[in-house]
Amino acid sequence: MSFKVIDNPDFKKFRKQSGFSNAQFKRLAGLFSRGATEKVFYDIAVDVDFDTGTCAFTYFRTNSYVPYLQFVIRRVGPQTDMYEVYKEGRGRIARSGLFERAFARIEEEVDSLM
């Protein structure tokens, strides 16, 4: 018995892409690297909860591990993700359905620390 995979390239071309990509992960990790180089960040934590469909990048400024900035990716629909940015003492400072908008906001916050 043999199995044959049938591939339909048109399905891949027209299907709406959803989810968190490797390139987006690298951009958030790169943001931490820039902050760590300038000694404004101490550590980063990445928490993934598959049951609730969330992923959180938490940036820490000190070794007391009080979250300073947090970037949350939340699955809100079958093909829809919501990106949120939280800041210590202020709560949610950005929310968008587009990664670029939320990333620009967290990047502004990091740039203001340097």
N, C-alpha and C. Protein backbone atom coordinates (compact mmCIF):
# COMPACT_ATOMS: atom_id res chain seq x y z
N MET A 1 0.85 -1.17 0.00
CA MET A 1 0.00 0.00 0.00
C MET A 1 0.90 1.23 0.00
N SER A 2 0.56 2.19 -0.82
CA SER A 2 1.34 3.42 -0.85
C SER A 2 0.38 4.61 -0.75
N PHE A 3 0.90 5.65 -0.17
CA PHE A 3 0.12 6.87 -0.03
C PHE A 3 0.66 7.91 -1.00
N LYS A 4 -0.25 8.61 -1.62
CA LYS A 4 0.14 9.64 -2.56
C LYS A 4 -0.49 10.96 -2.11
N VAL A 5 0.34 11.97 -1.96
CA VAL A 5 -0.14 13.29 -1.56
C VAL A 5 -0.53 14.07 -2.80
N ILE A 6 -1.75 14.55 -2.82
CA ILE A 6 -2.24 15.34 -3.93
C ILE A 6 -2.13 16.80 -3.54
N ASP A 7 -1.39 17.56 -4.30
CA ASP A 7 -1.15 18.96 -4.00
C ASP A 7 -1.88 19.83 -5.00
N ASN A 8 -2.59 20.84 -4.49
CA ASN A 8 -3.30 21.77 -5.34
C ASN A 8 -2.67 23.15 -5.14
N PRO A 9 -1.82 23.60 -6.07
CA PRO A 9 -1.14 24.88 -5.88
C PRO A 9 -2.09 26.08 -5.88
N ASP A 10 -3.24 25.96 -6.54
CA ASP A 10 -4.19 27.07 -6.53
C ASP A 10 -4.77 27.30 -5.14
N PHE A 11 -4.93 26.25 -4.37
CA PHE A 11 -5.46 26.40 -3.01
C PHE A 11 -4.49 27.22 -2.16
N LYS A 12 -3.22 26.94 -2.28
CA LYS A 12 -2.21 27.68 -1.50
C LYS A 12 -2.12 29.13 -1.94
N LYS A 13 -2.31 29.39 -3.22
CA LYS A 13 -2.17 30.74 -3.75
C LYS A 13 -3.31 31.65 -3.27
N PHE A 14 -4.52 31.14 -3.18
CA PHE A 14 -5.67 31.97 -2.85
C PHE A 14 -6.10 31.88 -1.40
N ARG A 15 -5.51 31.00 -0.64
CA ARG A 15 -5.89 30.85 0.76
C ARG A 15 -5.34 32.02 1.57
N LYS A 16 -6.16 32.54 2.48
CA LYS A 16 -5.71 33.64 3.34
C LYS A 16 -4.75 33.09 4.38
N GLN A 17 -3.58 33.68 4.45
CA GLN A 17 -2.60 33.25 5.43
C GLN A 17 -2.96 33.81 6.79
N SER A 18 -2.87 32.99 7.80
CA SER A 18 -3.17 33.39 9.16
C SER A 18 -2.11 32.82 10.07
N GLY A 19 -1.97 33.42 11.21
CA GLY A 19 -1.03 32.91 12.18
C GLY A 19 0.18 33.79 12.32
N PHE A 20 1.05 33.38 13.19
CA PHE A 20 2.25 34.11 13.55
C PHE A 20 3.41 33.51 12.78
N SER A 21 4.07 34.31 11.97
CA SER A 21 5.12 33.76 11.10
C SER A 21 6.49 33.78 11.78
N ASN A 22 7.40 33.03 11.22
CA ASN A 22 8.77 32.97 11.72
C ASN A 22 9.44 34.34 11.59
N ALA A 23 9.16 35.07 10.54
CA ALA A 23 9.75 36.40 10.34
C ALA A 23 9.27 37.36 11.43
N GLN A 24 8.00 37.27 11.81
CA GLN A 24 7.49 38.13 12.88
C GLN A 24 8.14 37.78 14.21
N PHE A 25 8.34 36.50 14.47
CA PHE A 25 9.03 36.07 15.68
C PHE A 25 10.44 36.65 15.72
N LYS A 26 11.13 36.59 14.60
CA LYS A 26 12.50 37.10 14.54
C LYS A 26 12.55 38.61 14.74
N ARG A 27 11.55 39.33 14.27
CA ARG A 27 11.51 40.78 14.47
C ARG A 27 11.34 41.12 15.95
N LEU A 28 10.49 40.37 16.67
CA LEU A 28 10.31 40.61 18.10
C LEU A 28 11.56 40.22 18.88
N ALA A 29 12.21 39.13 18.49
CA ALA A 29 13.45 38.73 19.14
C ALA A 29 14.56 39.74 18.84
N GLY A 30 14.59 40.27 17.63
CA GLY A 30 15.56 41.29 17.27
C GLY A 30 15.38 42.57 18.06
N LEU A 31 14.13 42.90 18.37
CA LEU A 31 13.84 44.06 19.20
C LEU A 31 14.45 43.90 20.59
N PHE A 32 14.34 42.69 21.13
CA PHE A 32 14.98 42.41 22.43
C PHE A 32 16.50 42.52 22.31
N SER A 33 17.07 42.01 21.23
CA SER A 33 18.52 42.08 21.04
C SER A 33 19.01 43.52 21.00
N ARG A 34 18.27 44.38 20.31
CA ARG A 34 18.63 45.80 20.29
C ARG A 34 18.57 46.40 21.68
N GLY A 35 17.51 46.08 22.42
CA GLY A 35 17.37 46.61 23.78
C GLY A 35 18.43 46.07 24.73
N ALA A 36 18.78 44.81 24.58
CA ALA A 36 19.81 44.21 25.43
C ALA A 36 21.18 44.80 25.12
N THR A 37 21.43 45.10 23.86
CA THR A 37 22.71 45.71 23.47
C THR A 37 22.87 47.08 24.12
N GLU A 38 21.78 47.83 24.19
CA GLU A 38 21.80 49.16 24.81
C GLU A 38 21.60 49.09 26.32
N LYS A 39 21.48 47.89 26.86
CA LYS A 39 21.31 47.63 28.30
C LYS A 39 20.02 48.24 28.87
N VAL A 40 18.94 48.23 28.06
CA VAL A 40 17.64 48.66 28.57
C VAL A 40 16.75 47.46 28.89
N PHE A 41 17.10 46.28 28.37
CA PHE A 41 16.35 45.06 28.69
C PHE A 41 17.26 44.06 29.37
N TYR A 42 16.70 43.37 30.34
CA TYR A 42 17.44 42.37 31.08
C TYR A 42 17.15 40.96 30.56
N ASP A 43 15.88 40.68 30.26
CA ASP A 43 15.49 39.34 29.83
C ASP A 43 14.21 39.40 29.02
N ILE A 44 13.90 38.28 28.39
CA ILE A 44 12.66 38.12 27.62
C ILE A 44 12.07 36.76 27.94
N ALA A 45 10.75 36.70 27.93
CA ALA A 45 10.06 35.42 28.12
C ALA A 45 9.02 35.28 27.02
N VAL A 46 8.91 34.08 26.47
CA VAL A 46 7.91 33.78 25.44
C VAL A 46 7.00 32.70 26.00
N ASP A 47 5.74 33.03 26.18
CA ASP A 47 4.76 32.09 26.73
C ASP A 47 3.72 31.78 25.67
N VAL A 48 3.48 30.50 25.44
CA VAL A 48 2.48 30.07 24.46
C VAL A 48 1.45 29.22 25.17
N ASP A 49 0.17 29.57 25.01
CA ASP A 49 -0.93 28.80 25.59
C ASP A 49 -1.80 28.32 24.43
N PHE A 50 -1.67 27.05 24.10
CA PHE A 50 -2.40 26.50 22.97
C PHE A 50 -3.89 26.35 23.26
N ASP A 51 -4.26 26.21 24.54
CA ASP A 51 -5.67 26.06 24.89
C ASP A 51 -6.45 27.34 24.62
N THR A 52 -5.88 28.48 24.96
CA THR A 52 -6.58 29.75 24.76
C THR A 52 -6.19 30.44 23.45
N GLY A 53 -5.15 29.95 22.79
CA GLY A 53 -4.73 30.52 21.52
C GLY A 53 -3.99 31.84 21.67
N THR A 54 -3.13 31.95 22.68
CA THR A 54 -2.36 33.17 22.88
C THR A 54 -0.87 32.89 22.93
N CYS A 55 -0.11 33.89 22.54
CA CYS A 55 1.34 33.87 22.64
C CYS A 55 1.76 35.24 23.14
N ALA A 56 2.63 35.29 24.15
CA ALA A 56 3.03 36.56 24.74
C ALA A 56 4.55 36.66 24.79
N PHE A 57 5.06 37.77 24.28
CA PHE A 57 6.47 38.13 24.41
C PHE A 57 6.54 39.16 25.53
N THR A 58 7.26 38.86 26.59
CA THR A 58 7.36 39.76 27.72
C THR A 58 8.81 40.22 27.86
N TYR A 59 9.00 41.53 27.88
CA TYR A 59 10.32 42.14 28.00
C TYR A 59 10.50 42.66 29.43
N PHE A 60 11.63 42.31 30.06
CA PHE A 60 11.92 42.71 31.43
C PHE A 60 13.09 43.68 31.45
N ARG A 61 12.99 44.71 32.31
CA ARG A 61 14.08 45.69 32.41
C ARG A 61 15.03 45.38 33.56
N THR A 62 14.58 44.65 34.57
CA THR A 62 15.42 44.36 35.73
C THR A 62 15.33 42.89 36.07
N ASN A 63 16.19 42.47 37.00
CA ASN A 63 16.18 41.07 37.41
C ASN A 63 15.08 40.75 38.43
N SER A 64 14.24 41.72 38.77
CA SER A 64 13.09 41.44 39.64
C SER A 64 11.93 40.83 38.85
N TYR A 65 12.09 40.76 37.53
CA TYR A 65 11.12 40.14 36.62
C TYR A 65 9.72 40.73 36.73
N VAL A 66 9.66 42.05 36.78
CA VAL A 66 8.40 42.76 36.64
C VAL A 66 8.28 43.10 35.16
N PRO A 67 7.22 42.64 34.48
CA PRO A 67 7.10 42.89 33.04
C PRO A 67 7.05 44.38 32.73
N TYR A 68 7.87 44.82 31.78
CA TYR A 68 7.85 46.22 31.38
C TYR A 68 7.01 46.40 30.12
N LEU A 69 7.27 45.61 29.10
CA LEU A 69 6.50 45.61 27.86
C LEU A 69 6.06 44.19 27.55
N GLN A 70 4.87 44.09 26.97
CA GLN A 70 4.39 42.76 26.59
C GLN A 70 3.68 42.86 25.24
N PHE A 71 4.04 41.96 24.34
CA PHE A 71 3.43 41.87 23.02
C PHE A 71 2.63 40.57 22.99
N VAL A 72 1.31 40.67 22.84
CA VAL A 72 0.43 39.50 22.91
C VAL A 72 -0.20 39.25 21.56
N ILE A 73 -0.13 38.00 21.11
CA ILE A 73 -0.80 37.57 19.89
C ILE A 73 -1.96 36.68 20.33
N ARG A 74 -3.16 37.05 19.94
CA ARG A 74 -4.35 36.33 20.39
C ARG A 74 -5.16 35.88 19.18
N ARG A 75 -5.50 34.60 19.12
CA ARG A 75 -6.34 34.06 18.05
C ARG A 75 -7.79 34.39 18.41
N VAL A 76 -8.45 35.20 17.58
CA VAL A 76 -9.83 35.62 17.85
C VAL A 76 -10.83 35.02 16.87
N GLY A 77 -10.36 34.34 15.87
CA GLY A 77 -11.23 33.70 14.89
C GLY A 77 -10.47 32.62 14.16
N PRO A 78 -11.14 31.90 13.29
CA PRO A 78 -10.46 30.81 12.60
C PRO A 78 -9.29 31.28 11.73
N GLN A 79 -9.39 32.49 11.19
CA GLN A 79 -8.30 33.03 10.37
C GLN A 79 -7.96 34.46 10.77
N THR A 80 -8.19 34.80 12.04
CA THR A 80 -7.99 36.17 12.50
C THR A 80 -7.16 36.18 13.77
N ASP A 81 -6.12 37.01 13.78
CA ASP A 81 -5.28 37.21 14.96
C ASP A 81 -5.37 38.66 15.38
N MET A 82 -5.25 38.90 16.69
CA MET A 82 -5.23 40.26 17.22
C MET A 82 -3.90 40.44 17.93
N TYR A 83 -3.26 41.58 17.69
CA TYR A 83 -1.96 41.90 18.28
C TYR A 83 -2.15 43.04 19.27
N GLU A 84 -1.66 42.86 20.50
CA GLU A 84 -1.83 43.85 21.55
C GLU A 84 -0.49 44.15 22.20
N VAL A 85 -0.31 45.39 22.63
CA VAL A 85 0.91 45.81 23.33
C VAL A 85 0.50 46.37 24.68
N TYR A 86 1.15 45.87 25.74
CA TYR A 86 0.90 46.32 27.10
C TYR A 86 2.17 46.92 27.67
N LYS A 87 2.01 47.97 28.49
CA LYS A 87 3.14 48.63 29.13
C LYS A 87 2.89 48.71 30.63
N GLU A 88 3.95 48.52 31.39
CA GLU A 88 3.84 48.57 32.85
C GLU A 88 3.30 49.93 33.29
N GLY A 89 2.29 49.90 34.14
CA GLY A 89 1.72 51.13 34.68
C GLY A 89 0.69 51.80 33.80
N ARG A 90 0.59 51.42 32.54
CA ARG A 90 -0.37 52.06 31.63
C ARG A 90 -1.40 51.10 31.08
N GLY A 91 -1.15 49.82 31.12
CA GLY A 91 -2.07 48.85 30.55
C GLY A 91 -1.88 48.72 29.06
N ARG A 92 -2.98 48.43 28.35
CA ARG A 92 -2.89 48.24 26.90
C ARG A 92 -2.69 49.59 26.22
N ILE A 93 -1.63 49.67 25.41
CA ILE A 93 -1.34 50.92 24.71
C ILE A 93 -1.57 50.79 23.21
N ALA A 94 -1.74 49.58 22.72
CA ALA A 94 -2.02 49.39 21.29
C ALA A 94 -2.75 48.07 21.08
N ARG A 95 -3.65 48.10 20.11
CA ARG A 95 -4.37 46.89 19.71
C ARG A 95 -4.68 47.01 18.23
N SER A 96 -4.33 45.97 17.49
CA SER A 96 -4.54 46.02 16.05
C SER A 96 -4.68 44.62 15.49
N GLY A 97 -5.35 44.52 14.38
CA GLY A 97 -5.44 43.27 13.66
C GLY A 97 -4.26 43.09 12.72
N LEU A 98 -3.41 44.12 12.61
CA LEU A 98 -2.24 44.07 11.75
C LEU A 98 -0.97 44.03 12.61
N PHE A 99 -0.11 43.09 12.31
CA PHE A 99 1.13 42.95 13.07
C PHE A 99 1.97 44.22 12.97
N GLU A 100 2.05 44.81 11.79
CA GLU A 100 2.91 45.98 11.55
C GLU A 100 2.56 47.15 12.46
N ARG A 101 1.28 47.40 12.68
CA ARG A 101 0.87 48.53 13.52
C ARG A 101 1.26 48.30 14.98
N ALA A 102 0.99 47.12 15.48
CA ALA A 102 1.34 46.82 16.87
C ALA A 102 2.86 46.80 17.05
N PHE A 103 3.57 46.26 16.07
CA PHE A 103 5.03 46.21 16.17
C PHE A 103 5.61 47.62 16.14
N ALA A 104 5.06 48.51 15.31
CA ALA A 104 5.54 49.88 15.25
C ALA A 104 5.38 50.57 16.61
N ARG A 105 4.29 50.26 17.30
CA ARG A 105 4.06 50.87 18.62
C ARG A 105 5.06 50.38 19.66
N ILE A 106 5.31 49.07 19.69
CA ILE A 106 6.28 48.56 20.67
C ILE A 106 7.69 49.01 20.30
N GLU A 107 7.96 49.17 19.02
CA GLU A 107 9.26 49.65 18.58
C GLU A 107 9.48 51.10 19.02
N GLU A 108 8.42 51.91 18.97
CA GLU A 108 8.51 53.29 19.47
C GLU A 108 8.86 53.31 20.95
N GLU A 109 8.22 52.44 21.71
CA GLU A 109 8.49 52.39 23.16
C GLU A 109 9.94 51.99 23.44
N VAL A 110 10.45 51.03 22.69
CA VAL A 110 11.84 50.60 22.88
C VAL A 110 12.79 51.70 22.47
N ASP A 111 12.50 52.36 21.35
CA ASP A 111 13.36 53.45 20.89
C ASP A 111 13.39 54.61 21.88
N SER A 112 12.28 54.85 22.58
CA SER A 112 12.26 55.94 23.57
C SER A 112 13.13 55.62 24.79
N LEU A 113 13.42 54.35 25.04
CA LEU A 113 14.27 53.97 26.15
C LEU A 113 15.75 54.15 25.83
N MET A 114 16.10 54.12 24.56
CA MET A 114 17.52 54.18 24.17
C MET A 114 18.02 55.60 24.06
